[in-house]
Amino acid sequence: MLRKAKVKKKDKVLILAGKDKGKTGIVLDVDLKKERVLVEGINYVKKHVRPNPGAGIQGGIEEMEAPIHISNVMVICPECGKPTRVGRKELKDGKRVRICKKCNGMIDKA
């Protein structure tokens, strides 16, 4: 069963573990099945690419971003600017938004 992710695309996140610990970046993609996120500028890996003359691809070593586990990132609150846990709250009009546990500010723009 898929759990609801507390991290969404375009969130600013702090990396908690791994070789890029302490860095921040923007989430490019979230994969709920594998529980992984792709963060801009984080977790660069080198991939060997085989040349394919028919497709016009030149061979070599390519650097690309690899996904990291969702538990290794923490959302940075846009209001207080601190890394925080994410809570949920229902507004009076019935919309559900994510809130910062530190300052109770809204992470989602309602």
C-alpha atoms as a PDB file:
ATOM      1  CA  MET A   1       0.000   0.000   0.000  1.00  0.00           C
ATOM      2  CA  LEU A   2       1.292   3.444  -0.935  1.00  0.00           C
ATOM      3  CA  ARG A   3       1.708   6.005   1.817  1.00  0.00           C
ATOM      4  CA  LYS A   4       1.019   9.641   1.137  1.00  0.00           C
ATOM      5  CA  ALA A   5       4.283  11.512   0.673  1.00  0.00           C
ATOM      6  CA  LYS A   6       4.964  14.598   2.731  1.00  0.00           C
ATOM      7  CA  VAL A   7       7.357  15.806   0.031  1.00  0.00           C
ATOM      8  CA  LYS A   8       6.065  17.159  -3.284  1.00  0.00           C
ATOM      9  CA  LYS A   9       7.581  18.433  -6.505  1.00  0.00           C
ATOM     10  CA  LYS A  10       9.144  21.906  -6.282  1.00  0.00           C
ATOM     11  CA  ASP A  11       9.623  21.647  -2.491  1.00  0.00           C
ATOM     12  CA  LYS A  12      12.937  22.895  -1.136  1.00  0.00           C
ATOM     13  CA  VAL A  13      14.517  20.110   0.913  1.00  0.00           C
ATOM     14  CA  LEU A  14      17.536  19.506   3.152  1.00  0.00           C
ATOM     15  CA  ILE A  15      19.552  16.304   2.659  1.00  0.00           C
ATOM     16  CA  LEU A  16      19.887  14.430   5.982  1.00  0.00           C
ATOM     17  CA  ALA A  17      22.169  11.522   5.051  1.00  0.00           C
ATOM     18  CA  GLY A  18      24.664  10.387   2.440  1.00  0.00           C
ATOM     19  CA  LYS A  19      27.516  12.047   0.600  1.00  0.00           C
ATOM     20  CA  ASP A  20      25.507  15.268   0.111  1.00  0.00           C
ATOM     21  CA  LYS A  21      24.435  15.629   3.768  1.00  0.00           C
ATOM     22  CA  GLY A  22      23.665  19.238   4.703  1.00  0.00           C
ATOM     23  CA  LYS A  23      23.019  20.445   1.144  1.00  0.00           C
ATOM     24  CA  THR A  24      19.693  21.818  -0.065  1.00  0.00           C
ATOM     25  CA  GLY A  25      17.915  21.431  -3.377  1.00  0.00           C
ATOM     26  CA  ILE A  26      14.591  21.478  -5.196  1.00  0.00           C
ATOM     27  CA  VAL A  27      12.620  18.237  -5.662  1.00  0.00           C
ATOM     28  CA  LEU A  28      12.298  17.371  -9.363  1.00  0.00           C
ATOM     29  CA  ASP A  29      10.361  14.103  -9.073  1.00  0.00           C
ATOM     30  CA  VAL A  30       8.741  11.876  -6.436  1.00  0.00           C
ATOM     31  CA  ASP A  31       8.349   8.107  -6.916  1.00  0.00           C
ATOM     32  CA  LEU A  32       5.895   6.806  -4.300  1.00  0.00           C
ATOM     33  CA  LYS A  33       6.198   3.134  -5.297  1.00  0.00           C
ATOM     34  CA  LYS A  34       9.954   3.086  -4.683  1.00  0.00           C
ATOM     35  CA  GLU A  35       9.791   5.799  -1.964  1.00  0.00           C
ATOM     36  CA  ARG A  36      12.471   7.858  -3.696  1.00  0.00           C
ATOM     37  CA  VAL A  37      12.905  11.503  -4.668  1.00  0.00           C
ATOM     38  CA  LEU A  38      15.055  13.140  -7.329  1.00  0.00           C
ATOM     39  CA  VAL A  39      16.638  16.364  -6.063  1.00  0.00           C
ATOM     40  CA  GLU A  40      18.238  18.977  -8.310  1.00  0.00           C
ATOM     41  CA  GLY A  41      22.035  19.055  -7.984  1.00  0.00           C
ATOM     42  CA  ILE A  42      22.179  16.229  -5.417  1.00  0.00           C
ATOM     43  CA  ASN A  43      23.550  12.646  -5.597  1.00  0.00           C
ATOM     44  CA  TYR A  44      25.434  12.895  -8.895  1.00  0.00           C
ATOM     45  CA  VAL A  45      26.524   9.529 -10.285  1.00  0.00           C
ATOM     46  CA  LYS A  46      28.564   8.633 -13.370  1.00  0.00           C
ATOM     47  CA  LYS A  47      26.902   6.455 -15.991  1.00  0.00           C
ATOM     48  CA  HIS A  48      28.765   4.814 -18.849  1.00  0.00           C
ATOM     49  CA  VAL A  49      26.947   5.388 -22.137  1.00  0.00           C
ATOM     50  CA  ARG A  50      27.479   3.152 -25.143  1.00  0.00           C
ATOM     51  CA  PRO A  51      27.747   4.956 -28.505  1.00  0.00           C
ATOM     52  CA  ASN A  52      24.821   4.575 -30.896  1.00  0.00           C
ATOM     53  CA  PRO A  53      25.603   6.085 -34.313  1.00  0.00           C
ATOM     54  CA  GLY A  54      22.048   5.489 -35.587  1.00  0.00           C
ATOM     55  CA  ALA A  55      20.560   7.696 -32.877  1.00  0.00           C
ATOM     56  CA  GLY A  56      23.471  10.146 -32.951  1.00  0.00           C
ATOM     57  CA  ILE A  57      24.541   9.326 -29.386  1.00  0.00           C
ATOM     58  CA  GLN A  58      28.221   9.682 -28.660  1.00  0.00           C
ATOM     59  CA  GLY A  59      29.634   7.270 -26.094  1.00  0.00           C
ATOM     60  CA  GLY A  60      31.403   8.248 -22.898  1.00  0.00           C
ATOM     61  CA  ILE A  61      30.832   8.868 -19.240  1.00  0.00           C
ATOM     62  CA  GLU A  62      27.776  10.943 -18.379  1.00  0.00           C
ATOM     63  CA  GLU A  63      27.043  12.562 -15.007  1.00  0.00           C
ATOM     64  CA  MET A  64      23.437  12.468 -13.874  1.00  0.00           C
ATOM     65  CA  GLU A  65      21.344  12.876 -10.731  1.00  0.00           C
ATOM     66  CA  ALA A  66      20.203   9.668  -9.045  1.00  0.00           C
ATOM     67  CA  PRO A  67      17.173   9.367  -6.756  1.00  0.00           C
ATOM     68  CA  ILE A  68      17.611   9.147  -2.980  1.00  0.00           C
ATOM     69  CA  HIS A  69      15.317   7.635  -0.359  1.00  0.00           C
ATOM     70  CA  ILE A  70      12.480   9.864   0.816  1.00  0.00           C
ATOM     71  CA  SER A  71      13.478   9.379   4.474  1.00  0.00           C
ATOM     72  CA  ASN A  72      16.798  11.122   3.794  1.00  0.00           C
ATOM     73  CA  VAL A  73      15.212  14.491   2.970  1.00  0.00           C
ATOM     74  CA  MET A  74      13.395  17.044   5.116  1.00  0.00           C
ATOM     75  CA  VAL A  75      11.162  19.840   3.819  1.00  0.00           C
ATOM     76  CA  ILE A  76      12.330  23.412   4.423  1.00  0.00           C
ATOM     77  CA  CYS A  77       9.472  25.694   5.484  1.00  0.00           C
ATOM     78  CA  PRO A  78       9.069  28.678   3.129  1.00  0.00           C
ATOM     79  CA  GLU A  79       7.901  30.912   6.014  1.00  0.00           C
ATOM     80  CA  CYS A  80      10.486  30.273   8.754  1.00  0.00           C
ATOM     81  CA  GLY A  81      13.234  28.877   6.486  1.00  0.00           C
ATOM     82  CA  LYS A  82      14.006  25.943   8.801  1.00  0.00           C
ATOM     83  CA  PRO A  83      13.913  22.215   8.049  1.00  0.00           C
ATOM     84  CA  THR A  84      10.772  20.811   9.624  1.00  0.00           C
ATOM     85  CA  ARG A  85       8.459  17.854   9.942  1.00  0.00           C
ATOM     86  CA  VAL A  86       5.247  18.176   7.970  1.00  0.00           C
ATOM     87  CA  GLY A  87       1.736  18.087   9.412  1.00  0.00           C
ATOM     88  CA  ARG A  88      -1.672  18.332   7.789  1.00  0.00           C
ATOM     89  CA  LYS A  89      -4.519  20.700   8.520  1.00  0.00           C
ATOM     90  CA  GLU A  90      -7.969  21.197   7.066  1.00  0.00           C
ATOM     91  CA  LEU A  91      -8.992  24.774   6.348  1.00  0.00           C
ATOM     92  CA  LYS A  92     -12.486  26.201   6.858  1.00  0.00           C
ATOM     93  CA  ASP A  93     -13.255  25.906   3.151  1.00  0.00           C
ATOM     94  CA  GLY A  94     -12.494  22.148   3.235  1.00  0.00           C
ATOM     95  CA  LYS A  95      -9.054  22.245   1.601  1.00  0.00           C
ATOM     96  CA  ARG A  96      -6.247  20.230   3.185  1.00  0.00           C
ATOM     97  CA  VAL A  97      -2.838  21.867   3.394  1.00  0.00           C
ATOM     98  CA  ARG A  98       0.587  20.862   4.705  1.00  0.00           C
ATOM     99  CA  ILE A  99       1.824  22.861   7.670  1.00  0.00           C
ATOM    100  CA  CYS A 100       5.198  23.429   9.330  1.00  0.00           C
ATOM    101  CA  LYS A 101       5.432  21.774  12.767  1.00  0.00           C
ATOM    102  CA  LYS A 102       7.790  24.519  14.014  1.00  0.00           C
ATOM    103  CA  CYS A 103       5.974  27.726  13.084  1.00  0.00           C
ATOM    104  CA  ASN A 104       2.517  26.377  12.084  1.00  0.00           C
ATOM    105  CA  GLY A 105       2.918  28.192   8.757  1.00  0.00           C
ATOM    106  CA  MET A 106       1.458  26.767   5.571  1.00  0.00           C
ATOM    107  CA  ILE A 107       3.845  24.957   3.241  1.00  0.00           C
ATOM    108  CA  ASP A 108       1.230  24.687   0.473  1.00  0.00           C
ATOM    109  CA  LYS A 109      -0.083  27.852  -1.072  1.00  0.00           C
ATOM    110  CA  ALA A 110      -3.843  27.692  -0.454  1.00  0.00           C
END
